[in-house]
Amino acid sequence: MASAAIALPLAGSAAAETRLLPHYTGSFLECQTLGNQAAQRGELTGFSCVQEGHYVVMYPW
């Protein structure tokens, strides 16, 4: 099982919360792109991409 975690600096308040659910993607590139786009919109502070079977799951925090 492979995983990649990316921690991102908080852009706003330390009280930022993520409301995103884990999201299934087809590749690590798709997972990282999805996570980076959500982070740029301020929707999360970090995420992990974890291989689960044929999918790569993006777990936000």
N, C-alpha and C. Protein backbone atom coordinates (compact mmCIF):
# COMPACT_ATOMS: atom_id res chain seq x y z
N MET A 1 0.85 -1.17 0.00
CA MET A 1 0.00 0.00 0.00
C MET A 1 0.90 1.24 0.00
N ALA A 2 0.72 2.10 -0.96
CA ALA A 2 1.50 3.33 -1.04
C ALA A 2 0.65 4.50 -0.58
N SER A 3 1.30 5.51 -0.02
CA SER A 3 0.57 6.70 0.38
C SER A 3 1.45 7.92 0.23
N ALA A 4 0.82 9.05 0.05
CA ALA A 4 1.53 10.32 -0.02
C ALA A 4 0.76 11.32 0.82
N ALA A 5 1.45 12.01 1.69
CA ALA A 5 0.79 13.02 2.53
C ALA A 5 1.40 14.37 2.22
N ILE A 6 0.57 15.35 2.11
CA ILE A 6 1.02 16.71 1.82
C ILE A 6 0.43 17.63 2.88
N ALA A 7 1.29 18.30 3.63
CA ALA A 7 0.83 19.28 4.62
C ALA A 7 0.92 20.65 3.98
N LEU A 8 -0.10 21.42 4.14
CA LEU A 8 -0.15 22.75 3.55
C LEU A 8 -0.28 23.79 4.65
N PRO A 9 0.36 24.94 4.46
CA PRO A 9 0.24 25.98 5.49
C PRO A 9 -1.18 26.54 5.55
N LEU A 10 -1.59 26.93 6.73
CA LEU A 10 -2.92 27.53 6.89
C LEU A 10 -2.92 28.92 6.28
N ALA A 11 -3.86 29.17 5.42
CA ALA A 11 -3.95 30.47 4.77
C ALA A 11 -4.71 31.46 5.63
N GLY A 12 -5.59 30.97 6.48
CA GLY A 12 -6.41 31.87 7.27
C GLY A 12 -6.28 31.57 8.73
N SER A 13 -7.39 31.27 9.34
CA SER A 13 -7.48 31.04 10.77
C SER A 13 -7.00 29.65 11.16
N ALA A 14 -6.50 29.53 12.36
CA ALA A 14 -6.12 28.22 12.89
C ALA A 14 -7.34 27.37 13.15
N ALA A 15 -8.51 27.95 13.10
CA ALA A 15 -9.75 27.22 13.36
C ALA A 15 -10.36 26.67 12.07
N ALA A 16 -9.59 26.72 10.97
CA ALA A 16 -10.12 26.22 9.70
C ALA A 16 -10.51 24.76 9.83
N GLU A 17 -11.65 24.40 9.25
CA GLU A 17 -12.14 23.02 9.30
C GLU A 17 -12.37 22.55 7.88
N THR A 18 -12.14 21.28 7.65
CA THR A 18 -12.48 20.71 6.34
C THR A 18 -13.85 20.06 6.43
N ARG A 19 -14.62 20.23 5.39
CA ARG A 19 -15.93 19.60 5.31
C ARG A 19 -15.97 18.60 4.15
N LEU A 20 -14.80 18.34 3.57
CA LEU A 20 -14.73 17.41 2.46
C LEU A 20 -14.67 15.98 2.96
N LEU A 21 -15.28 15.08 2.22
CA LEU A 21 -15.23 13.66 2.51
C LEU A 21 -14.11 13.04 1.69
N PRO A 22 -13.65 11.85 2.04
CA PRO A 22 -12.67 11.17 1.19
C PRO A 22 -13.21 11.07 -0.23
N HIS A 23 -12.31 11.18 -1.20
CA HIS A 23 -12.72 11.19 -2.60
C HIS A 23 -11.90 10.16 -3.37
N TYR A 24 -12.58 9.27 -4.09
CA TYR A 24 -11.90 8.23 -4.87
C TYR A 24 -11.46 8.79 -6.22
N THR A 25 -10.18 8.55 -6.58
CA THR A 25 -9.64 8.99 -7.85
C THR A 25 -8.98 7.79 -8.54
N GLY A 26 -8.56 7.99 -9.77
CA GLY A 26 -7.96 6.91 -10.54
C GLY A 26 -6.46 6.83 -10.51
N SER A 27 -5.79 7.88 -9.97
CA SER A 27 -4.33 7.88 -9.96
C SER A 27 -3.82 8.84 -8.89
N PHE A 28 -2.53 8.70 -8.55
CA PHE A 28 -1.94 9.63 -7.58
C PHE A 28 -1.93 11.05 -8.14
N LEU A 29 -1.69 11.20 -9.44
CA LEU A 29 -1.70 12.54 -10.04
C LEU A 29 -3.06 13.19 -9.90
N GLU A 30 -4.12 12.45 -10.20
CA GLU A 30 -5.48 12.99 -10.06
C GLU A 30 -5.77 13.35 -8.61
N CYS A 31 -5.35 12.49 -7.69
CA CYS A 31 -5.56 12.74 -6.26
C CYS A 31 -4.84 14.01 -5.81
N GLN A 32 -3.58 14.14 -6.19
CA GLN A 32 -2.80 15.31 -5.79
C GLN A 32 -3.35 16.59 -6.42
N THR A 33 -3.79 16.51 -7.67
CA THR A 33 -4.39 17.67 -8.33
C THR A 33 -5.66 18.10 -7.61
N LEU A 34 -6.52 17.13 -7.29
CA LEU A 34 -7.76 17.42 -6.58
C LEU A 34 -7.47 18.07 -5.22
N GLY A 35 -6.53 17.50 -4.47
CA GLY A 35 -6.18 18.05 -3.16
C GLY A 35 -5.59 19.44 -3.26
N ASN A 36 -4.71 19.66 -4.23
CA ASN A 36 -4.09 20.98 -4.40
C ASN A 36 -5.13 22.03 -4.77
N GLN A 37 -6.07 21.68 -5.64
CA GLN A 37 -7.12 22.63 -6.03
C GLN A 37 -8.00 22.99 -4.84
N ALA A 38 -8.36 22.00 -4.03
CA ALA A 38 -9.18 22.27 -2.85
C ALA A 38 -8.42 23.13 -1.85
N ALA A 39 -7.13 22.90 -1.72
CA ALA A 39 -6.31 23.70 -0.80
C ALA A 39 -6.22 25.15 -1.28
N GLN A 40 -6.07 25.35 -2.58
CA GLN A 40 -6.00 26.70 -3.13
C GLN A 40 -7.31 27.45 -2.92
N ARG A 41 -8.42 26.73 -2.87
CA ARG A 41 -9.72 27.36 -2.60
C ARG A 41 -9.95 27.53 -1.10
N GLY A 42 -9.02 27.07 -0.27
CA GLY A 42 -9.15 27.21 1.18
C GLY A 42 -10.08 26.19 1.81
N GLU A 43 -10.34 25.09 1.14
CA GLU A 43 -11.28 24.09 1.65
C GLU A 43 -10.63 23.06 2.57
N LEU A 44 -9.29 22.99 2.60
CA LEU A 44 -8.61 22.04 3.47
C LEU A 44 -7.22 22.56 3.81
N THR A 45 -6.61 21.96 4.82
CA THR A 45 -5.26 22.36 5.22
C THR A 45 -4.22 21.34 4.79
N GLY A 46 -4.64 20.15 4.44
CA GLY A 46 -3.73 19.11 3.98
C GLY A 46 -4.52 17.89 3.56
N PHE A 47 -3.83 16.94 2.96
CA PHE A 47 -4.51 15.73 2.52
C PHE A 47 -3.50 14.60 2.34
N SER A 48 -4.04 13.38 2.31
CA SER A 48 -3.24 12.19 2.03
C SER A 48 -3.84 11.47 0.84
N CYS A 49 -2.99 10.93 -0.01
CA CYS A 49 -3.43 10.09 -1.12
C CYS A 49 -3.01 8.67 -0.80
N VAL A 50 -3.98 7.76 -0.71
CA VAL A 50 -3.71 6.38 -0.29
C VAL A 50 -4.26 5.41 -1.34
N GLN A 51 -3.40 4.49 -1.79
CA GLN A 51 -3.82 3.45 -2.74
C GLN A 51 -4.73 2.47 -2.01
N GLU A 52 -5.93 2.27 -2.54
CA GLU A 52 -6.88 1.29 -1.99
C GLU A 52 -7.44 0.49 -3.16
N GLY A 53 -6.89 -0.70 -3.37
CA GLY A 53 -7.31 -1.51 -4.51
C GLY A 53 -6.94 -0.82 -5.81
N HIS A 54 -7.94 -0.64 -6.69
CA HIS A 54 -7.70 -0.01 -7.99
C HIS A 54 -7.80 1.51 -7.92
N TYR A 55 -8.12 2.05 -6.77
CA TYR A 55 -8.33 3.49 -6.62
C TYR A 55 -7.27 4.12 -5.74
N VAL A 56 -7.12 5.44 -5.87
CA VAL A 56 -6.31 6.23 -4.95
C VAL A 56 -7.30 7.17 -4.25
N VAL A 57 -7.34 7.10 -2.94
CA VAL A 57 -8.32 7.88 -2.17
C VAL A 57 -7.64 9.11 -1.59
N MET A 58 -8.27 10.28 -1.77
CA MET A 58 -7.77 11.53 -1.19
C MET A 58 -8.51 11.74 0.13
N TYR A 59 -7.75 11.70 1.23
CA TYR A 59 -8.29 11.94 2.57
C TYR A 59 -7.91 13.36 3.00
N PRO A 60 -8.86 14.28 3.05
CA PRO A 60 -8.56 15.67 3.44
C PRO A 60 -8.54 15.87 4.95
N TRP A 61 -7.85 16.90 5.40
CA TRP A 61 -7.92 17.36 6.79
C TRP A 61 -7.74 18.84 6.84
